[in-house]
Amino acid sequence: MLRSAKLSLKYSFLYTVLSALVFVLAFRVTQYAVEAWVLEQMRCDVLRRKHQSQRMWMSVIDTYGAG
């Protein structure tokens, strides 16, 4: 009986450690994915604004001429 209780405690401890490891790894992967997504959105926003600005200036040049 005592031996099976020790074995059960070993497996319980192992399960706890492995569960904690899985949760930590999942958190890190999720954090990395969210950070990558946010950076990509920021990059897209900058490129979109740059493109809109260039279109605006091209429209002004078309309307009033280059000089």
PDB file of N, CA and C in Angstrom:
ATOM      1  N   MET A   1       0.827  -1.200   0.000  1.00  0.00           N
ATOM      2  CA  MET A   1       0.000   0.000   0.000  1.00  0.00           C
ATOM      3  C   MET A   1       0.863   1.252   0.000  1.00  0.00           C
ATOM      4  N   LEU A   2       1.887   1.261   0.871  1.00  0.00           N
ATOM      5  CA  LEU A   2       2.749   2.434   0.969  1.00  0.00           C
ATOM      6  C   LEU A   2       3.489   2.679  -0.340  1.00  0.00           C
ATOM      7  N   ARG A   3       3.917   1.576  -0.963  1.00  0.00           N
ATOM      8  CA  ARG A   3       4.640   1.711  -2.226  1.00  0.00           C
ATOM      9  C   ARG A   3       3.743   2.303  -3.315  1.00  0.00           C
ATOM     10  N   SER A   4       2.513   1.870  -3.388  1.00  0.00           N
ATOM     11  CA  SER A   4       1.599   2.397  -4.405  1.00  0.00           C
ATOM     12  C   SER A   4       1.264   3.862  -4.134  1.00  0.00           C
ATOM     13  N   ALA A   5       1.223   4.249  -2.868  1.00  0.00           N
ATOM     14  CA  ALA A   5       0.971   5.655  -2.542  1.00  0.00           C
ATOM     15  C   ALA A   5       2.134   6.527  -2.988  1.00  0.00           C
ATOM     16  N   LYS A   6       3.378   6.045  -2.785  1.00  0.00           N
ATOM     17  CA  LYS A   6       4.552   6.795  -3.234  1.00  0.00           C
ATOM     18  C   LYS A   6       4.564   6.914  -4.757  1.00  0.00           C
ATOM     19  N   LEU A   7       4.230   5.824  -5.424  1.00  0.00           N
ATOM     20  CA  LEU A   7       4.191   5.829  -6.877  1.00  0.00           C
ATOM     21  C   LEU A   7       3.120   6.793  -7.376  1.00  0.00           C
ATOM     22  N   SER A   8       1.988   6.781  -6.706  1.00  0.00           N
ATOM     23  CA  SER A   8       0.905   7.684  -7.071  1.00  0.00           C
ATOM     24  C   SER A   8       1.322   9.141  -6.885  1.00  0.00           C
ATOM     25  N   LEU A   9       2.042   9.435  -5.803  1.00  0.00           N
ATOM     26  CA  LEU A   9       2.520  10.798  -5.570  1.00  0.00           C
ATOM     27  C   LEU A   9       3.537  11.224  -6.622  1.00  0.00           C
ATOM     28  N   LYS A  10       4.395  10.287  -7.041  1.00  0.00           N
ATOM     29  CA  LYS A  10       5.366  10.598  -8.090  1.00  0.00           C
ATOM     30  C   LYS A  10       4.656  10.982  -9.385  1.00  0.00           C
ATOM     31  N   TYR A  11       3.672  10.188  -9.764  1.00  0.00           N
ATOM     32  CA  TYR A  11       2.946  10.482 -10.993  1.00  0.00           C
ATOM     33  C   TYR A  11       2.128  11.761 -10.861  1.00  0.00           C
ATOM     34  N   SER A  12       1.604  12.005  -9.695  1.00  0.00           N
ATOM     35  CA  SER A  12       0.856  13.234  -9.462  1.00  0.00           C
ATOM     36  C   SER A  12       1.764  14.449  -9.614  1.00  0.00           C
ATOM     37  N   PHE A  13       2.951  14.369  -9.040  1.00  0.00           N
ATOM     38  CA  PHE A  13       3.911  15.466  -9.155  1.00  0.00           C
ATOM     39  C   PHE A  13       4.340  15.655 -10.610  1.00  0.00           C
ATOM     40  N   LEU A  14       4.608  14.554 -11.305  1.00  0.00           N
ATOM     41  CA  LEU A  14       5.001  14.622 -12.709  1.00  0.00           C
ATOM     42  C   LEU A  14       3.891  15.255 -13.551  1.00  0.00           C
ATOM     43  N   TYR A  15       2.663  14.860 -13.303  1.00  0.00           N
ATOM     44  CA  TYR A  15       1.524  15.426 -14.021  1.00  0.00           C
ATOM     45  C   TYR A  15       1.414  16.927 -13.762  1.00  0.00           C
ATOM     46  N   THR A  16       1.625  17.345 -12.517  1.00  0.00           N
ATOM     47  CA  THR A  16       1.555  18.768 -12.173  1.00  0.00           C
ATOM     48  C   THR A  16       2.634  19.558 -12.896  1.00  0.00           C
ATOM     49  N   VAL A  17       3.850  19.041 -12.892  1.00  0.00           N
ATOM     50  CA  VAL A  17       4.962  19.733 -13.557  1.00  0.00           C
ATOM     51  C   VAL A  17       4.726  19.813 -15.061  1.00  0.00           C
ATOM     52  N   LEU A  18       4.317  18.717 -15.655  1.00  0.00           N
ATOM     53  CA  LEU A  18       4.074  18.722 -17.098  1.00  0.00           C
ATOM     54  C   LEU A  18       2.908  19.633 -17.473  1.00  0.00           C
ATOM     55  N   SER A  19       1.872  19.656 -16.666  1.00  0.00           N
ATOM     56  CA  SER A  19       0.743  20.550 -16.930  1.00  0.00           C
ATOM     57  C   SER A  19       1.179  22.008 -16.866  1.00  0.00           C
ATOM     58  N   ALA A  20       1.960  22.343 -15.861  1.00  0.00           N
ATOM     59  CA  ALA A  20       2.459  23.716 -15.736  1.00  0.00           C
ATOM     60  C   ALA A  20       3.328  24.079 -16.932  1.00  0.00           C
ATOM     61  N   LEU A  21       4.157  23.165 -17.365  1.00  0.00           N
ATOM     62  CA  LEU A  21       5.021  23.406 -18.519  1.00  0.00           C
ATOM     63  C   LEU A  21       4.196  23.643 -19.785  1.00  0.00           C
ATOM     64  N   VAL A  22       3.170  22.846 -19.979  1.00  0.00           N
ATOM     65  CA  VAL A  22       2.304  23.017 -21.150  1.00  0.00           C
ATOM     66  C   VAL A  22       1.619  24.380 -21.114  1.00  0.00           C
ATOM     67  N   PHE A  23       1.112  24.782 -19.965  1.00  0.00           N
ATOM     68  CA  PHE A  23       0.452  26.081 -19.864  1.00  0.00           C
ATOM     69  C   PHE A  23       1.423  27.232 -20.105  1.00  0.00           C
ATOM     70  N   VAL A  24       2.632  27.131 -19.582  1.00  0.00           N
ATOM     71  CA  VAL A  24       3.630  28.189 -19.797  1.00  0.00           C
ATOM     72  C   VAL A  24       4.000  28.277 -21.275  1.00  0.00           C
ATOM     73  N   LEU A  25       4.226  27.136 -21.900  1.00  0.00           N
ATOM     74  CA  LEU A  25       4.562  27.144 -23.323  1.00  0.00           C
ATOM     75  C   LEU A  25       3.413  27.683 -24.170  1.00  0.00           C
ATOM     76  N   ALA A  26       2.195  27.312 -23.842  1.00  0.00           N
ATOM     77  CA  ALA A  26       1.039  27.824 -24.583  1.00  0.00           C
ATOM     78  C   ALA A  26       0.923  29.334 -24.424  1.00  0.00           C
ATOM     79  N   PHE A  27       1.175  29.833 -23.231  1.00  0.00           N
ATOM     80  CA  PHE A  27       1.129  31.275 -22.997  1.00  0.00           C
ATOM     81  C   PHE A  27       2.183  31.992 -23.834  1.00  0.00           C
ATOM     82  N   ARG A  28       3.405  31.458 -23.856  1.00  0.00           N
ATOM     83  CA  ARG A  28       4.497  32.093 -24.610  1.00  0.00           C
ATOM     84  C   ARG A  28       4.198  32.089 -26.109  1.00  0.00           C
ATOM     85  N   VAL A  29       3.691  30.976 -26.621  1.00  0.00           N
ATOM     86  CA  VAL A  29       3.370  30.896 -28.048  1.00  0.00           C
ATOM     87  C   VAL A  29       2.264  31.887 -28.387  1.00  0.00           C
ATOM     88  N   THR A  30       1.245  31.955 -27.546  1.00  0.00           N
ATOM     89  CA  THR A  30       0.150  32.892 -27.779  1.00  0.00           C
ATOM     90  C   THR A  30       0.644  34.328 -27.719  1.00  0.00           C
ATOM     91  N   GLN A  31       1.475  34.635 -26.747  1.00  0.00           N
ATOM     92  CA  GLN A  31       2.020  35.982 -26.615  1.00  0.00           C
ATOM     93  C   GLN A  31       2.828  36.346 -27.862  1.00  0.00           C
ATOM     94  N   TYR A  32       3.628  35.427 -28.353  1.00  0.00           N
ATOM     95  CA  TYR A  32       4.431  35.671 -29.551  1.00  0.00           C
ATOM     96  C   TYR A  32       3.530  35.896 -30.763  1.00  0.00           C
ATOM     97  N   ALA A  33       2.487  35.081 -30.903  1.00  0.00           N
ATOM     98  CA  ALA A  33       1.583  35.201 -32.046  1.00  0.00           C
ATOM     99  C   ALA A  33       0.840  36.529 -32.022  1.00  0.00           C
ATOM    100  N   VAL A  34       0.384  36.938 -30.859  1.00  0.00           N
ATOM    101  CA  VAL A  34      -0.333  38.212 -30.747  1.00  0.00           C
ATOM    102  C   VAL A  34       0.607  39.373 -31.057  1.00  0.00           C
ATOM    103  N   GLU A  35       1.821  39.302 -30.537  1.00  0.00           N
ATOM    104  CA  GLU A  35       2.796  40.366 -30.808  1.00  0.00           C
ATOM    105  C   GLU A  35       3.100  40.456 -32.305  1.00  0.00           C
ATOM    106  N   ALA A  36       3.273  39.327 -32.957  1.00  0.00           N
ATOM    107  CA  ALA A  36       3.532  39.314 -34.399  1.00  0.00           C
ATOM    108  C   ALA A  36       2.344  39.887 -35.159  1.00  0.00           C
ATOM    109  N   TRP A  37       1.125  39.554 -34.738  1.00  0.00           N
ATOM    110  CA  TRP A  37      -0.070  40.066 -35.402  1.00  0.00           C
ATOM    111  C   TRP A  37      -0.166  41.576 -35.246  1.00  0.00           C
ATOM    112  N   VAL A  38       0.088  42.082 -34.040  1.00  0.00           N
ATOM    113  CA  VAL A  38       0.021  43.529 -33.801  1.00  0.00           C
ATOM    114  C   VAL A  38       1.060  44.255 -34.645  1.00  0.00           C
ATOM    115  N   LEU A  39       2.271  43.745 -34.685  1.00  0.00           N
ATOM    116  CA  LEU A  39       3.313  44.380 -35.496  1.00  0.00           C
ATOM    117  C   LEU A  39       2.946  44.373 -36.979  1.00  0.00           C
ATOM    118  N   GLU A  40       2.361  43.292 -37.456  1.00  0.00           N
ATOM    119  CA  GLU A  40       1.936  43.225 -38.855  1.00  0.00           C
ATOM    120  C   GLU A  40       0.831  44.240 -39.140  1.00  0.00           C
ATOM    121  N   GLN A  41      -0.114  44.382 -38.206  1.00  0.00           N
ATOM    122  CA  GLN A  41      -1.177  45.369 -38.388  1.00  0.00           C
ATOM    123  C   GLN A  41      -0.620  46.786 -38.422  1.00  0.00           C
ATOM    124  N   MET A  42       0.339  47.068 -37.554  1.00  0.00           N
ATOM    125  CA  MET A  42       0.956  48.396 -37.543  1.00  0.00           C
ATOM    126  C   MET A  42       1.687  48.655 -38.865  1.00  0.00           C
ATOM    127  N   ARG A  43       2.400  47.664 -39.361  1.00  0.00           N
ATOM    128  CA  ARG A  43       3.113  47.817 -40.634  1.00  0.00           C
ATOM    129  C   ARG A  43       2.128  48.064 -41.778  1.00  0.00           C
ATOM    130  N   CYS A  44       1.028  47.329 -41.788  1.00  0.00           N
ATOM    131  CA  CYS A  44       0.013  47.520 -42.829  1.00  0.00           C
ATOM    132  C   CYS A  44      -0.609  48.910 -42.745  1.00  0.00           C
ATOM    133  N   ASP A  45      -0.858  49.386 -41.535  1.00  0.00           N
ATOM    134  CA  ASP A  45      -1.421  50.728 -41.369  1.00  0.00           C
ATOM    135  C   ASP A  45      -0.479  51.796 -41.904  1.00  0.00           C
ATOM    136  N   VAL A  46       0.810  51.658 -41.618  1.00  0.00           N
ATOM    137  CA  VAL A  46       1.795  52.630 -42.110  1.00  0.00           C
ATOM    138  C   VAL A  46       1.835  52.614 -43.633  1.00  0.00           C
ATOM    139  N   LEU A  47       1.863  51.432 -44.219  1.00  0.00           N
ATOM    140  CA  LEU A  47       1.898  51.341 -45.682  1.00  0.00           C
ATOM    141  C   LEU A  47       0.624  51.891 -46.312  1.00  0.00           C
ATOM    142  N   ARG A  48      -0.519  51.639 -45.680  1.00  0.00           N
ATOM    143  CA  ARG A  48      -1.787  52.153 -46.197  1.00  0.00           C
ATOM    144  C   ARG A  48      -1.799  53.678 -46.162  1.00  0.00           C
ATOM    145  N   ARG A  49      -1.344  54.257 -45.046  1.00  0.00           N
ATOM    146  CA  ARG A  49      -1.310  55.722 -44.946  1.00  0.00           C
ATOM    147  C   ARG A  49      -0.333  56.322 -45.952  1.00  0.00           C
ATOM    148  N   LYS A  50       0.798  55.675 -46.146  1.00  0.00           N
ATOM    149  CA  LYS A  50       1.779  56.156 -47.120  1.00  0.00           C
ATOM    150  C   LYS A  50       1.180  56.130 -48.520  1.00  0.00           C
ATOM    151  N   HIS A  51       0.498  55.042 -48.849  1.00  0.00           N
ATOM    152  CA  HIS A  51      -0.124  54.920 -50.160  1.00  0.00           C
ATOM    153  C   HIS A  51      -1.218  55.974 -50.346  1.00  0.00           C
ATOM    154  N   GLN A  52      -2.036  56.195 -49.323  1.00  0.00           N
ATOM    155  CA  GLN A  52      -3.086  57.208 -49.415  1.00  0.00           C
ATOM    156  C   GLN A  52      -2.490  58.598 -49.591  1.00  0.00           C
ATOM    157  N   SER A  53      -1.404  58.871 -48.890  1.00  0.00           N
ATOM    158  CA  SER A  53      -0.745  60.165 -49.004  1.00  0.00           C
ATOM    159  C   SER A  53      -0.195  60.359 -50.415  1.00  0.00           C
ATOM    160  N   GLN A  54       0.409  59.337 -50.970  1.00  0.00           N
ATOM    161  CA  GLN A  54       0.934  59.439 -52.329  1.00  0.00           C
ATOM    162  C   GLN A  54      -0.189  59.650 -53.334  1.00  0.00           C
ATOM    163  N   ARG A  55      -1.311  58.958 -53.143  1.00  0.00           N
ATOM    164  CA  ARG A  55      -2.449  59.151 -54.047  1.00  0.00           C
ATOM    165  C   ARG A  55      -2.992  60.563 -53.938  1.00  0.00           C
ATOM    166  N   MET A  56      -3.022  61.101 -52.700  1.00  0.00           N
ATOM    167  CA  MET A  56      -3.513  62.463 -52.514  1.00  0.00           C
ATOM    168  C   MET A  56      -2.622  63.446 -53.272  1.00  0.00           C
ATOM    169  N   TRP A  57      -1.309  63.312 -53.145  1.00  0.00           N
ATOM    170  CA  TRP A  57      -0.396  64.221 -53.829  1.00  0.00           C
ATOM    171  C   TRP A  57      -0.467  64.052 -55.339  1.00  0.00           C
ATOM    172  N   MET A  58      -0.637  62.842 -55.822  1.00  0.00           N
ATOM    173  CA  MET A  58      -0.785  62.633 -57.263  1.00  0.00           C
ATOM    174  C   MET A  58      -2.056  63.298 -57.766  1.00  0.00           C
ATOM    175  N   SER A  59      -3.110  63.268 -56.964  1.00  0.00           N
ATOM    176  CA  SER A  59      -4.354  63.933 -57.329  1.00  0.00           C
ATOM    177  C   SER A  59      -4.155  65.441 -57.392  1.00  0.00           C
ATOM    178  N   VAL A  60      -3.426  65.998 -56.431  1.00  0.00           N
ATOM    179  CA  VAL A  60      -3.150  67.441 -56.423  1.00  0.00           C
ATOM    180  C   VAL A  60      -2.321  67.818 -57.648  1.00  0.00           C
ATOM    181  N   ILE A  61      -1.309  67.013 -57.966  1.00  0.00           N
ATOM    182  CA  ILE A  61      -0.462  67.295 -59.127  1.00  0.00           C
ATOM    183  C   ILE A  61      -1.277  67.198 -60.413  1.00  0.00           C
ATOM    184  N   ASP A  62      -2.158  66.201 -60.503  1.00  0.00           N
ATOM    185  CA  ASP A  62      -3.005  66.071 -61.692  1.00  0.00           C
ATOM    186  C   ASP A  62      -3.943  67.261 -61.828  1.00  0.00           C
ATOM    187  N   THR A  63      -4.440  67.758 -60.704  1.00  0.00           N
ATOM    188  CA  THR A  63      -5.390  68.871 -60.734  1.00  0.00           C
ATOM    189  C   THR A  63      -4.706  70.185 -61.085  1.00  0.00           C
ATOM    190  N   TYR A  64      -3.582  70.472 -60.463  1.00  0.00           N
ATOM    191  CA  TYR A  64      -2.948  71.784 -60.616  1.00  0.00           C
ATOM    192  C   TYR A  64      -1.705  71.766 -61.498  1.00  0.00           C
ATOM    193  N   GLY A  65      -1.277  70.621 -61.923  1.00  0.00           N
ATOM    194  CA  GLY A  65      -0.093  70.528 -62.775  1.00  0.00           C
ATOM    195  C   GLY A  65       1.174  70.414 -61.962  1.00  0.00           C
ATOM    196  N   ALA A  66       2.239  70.034 -62.620  1.00  0.00           N
ATOM    197  CA  ALA A  66       3.510  69.810 -61.943  1.00  0.00           C
ATOM    198  C   ALA A  66       4.273  71.105 -61.732  1.00  0.00           C
ATOM    199  N   GLY A  67       3.861  72.150 -62.300  1.00  0.00           N
ATOM    200  CA  GLY A  67       4.612  73.369 -62.027  1.00  0.00           C
ATOM    201  C   GLY A  67       4.417  74.319 -63.071  1.00  0.00           C
TER     202      GLY A  67
END
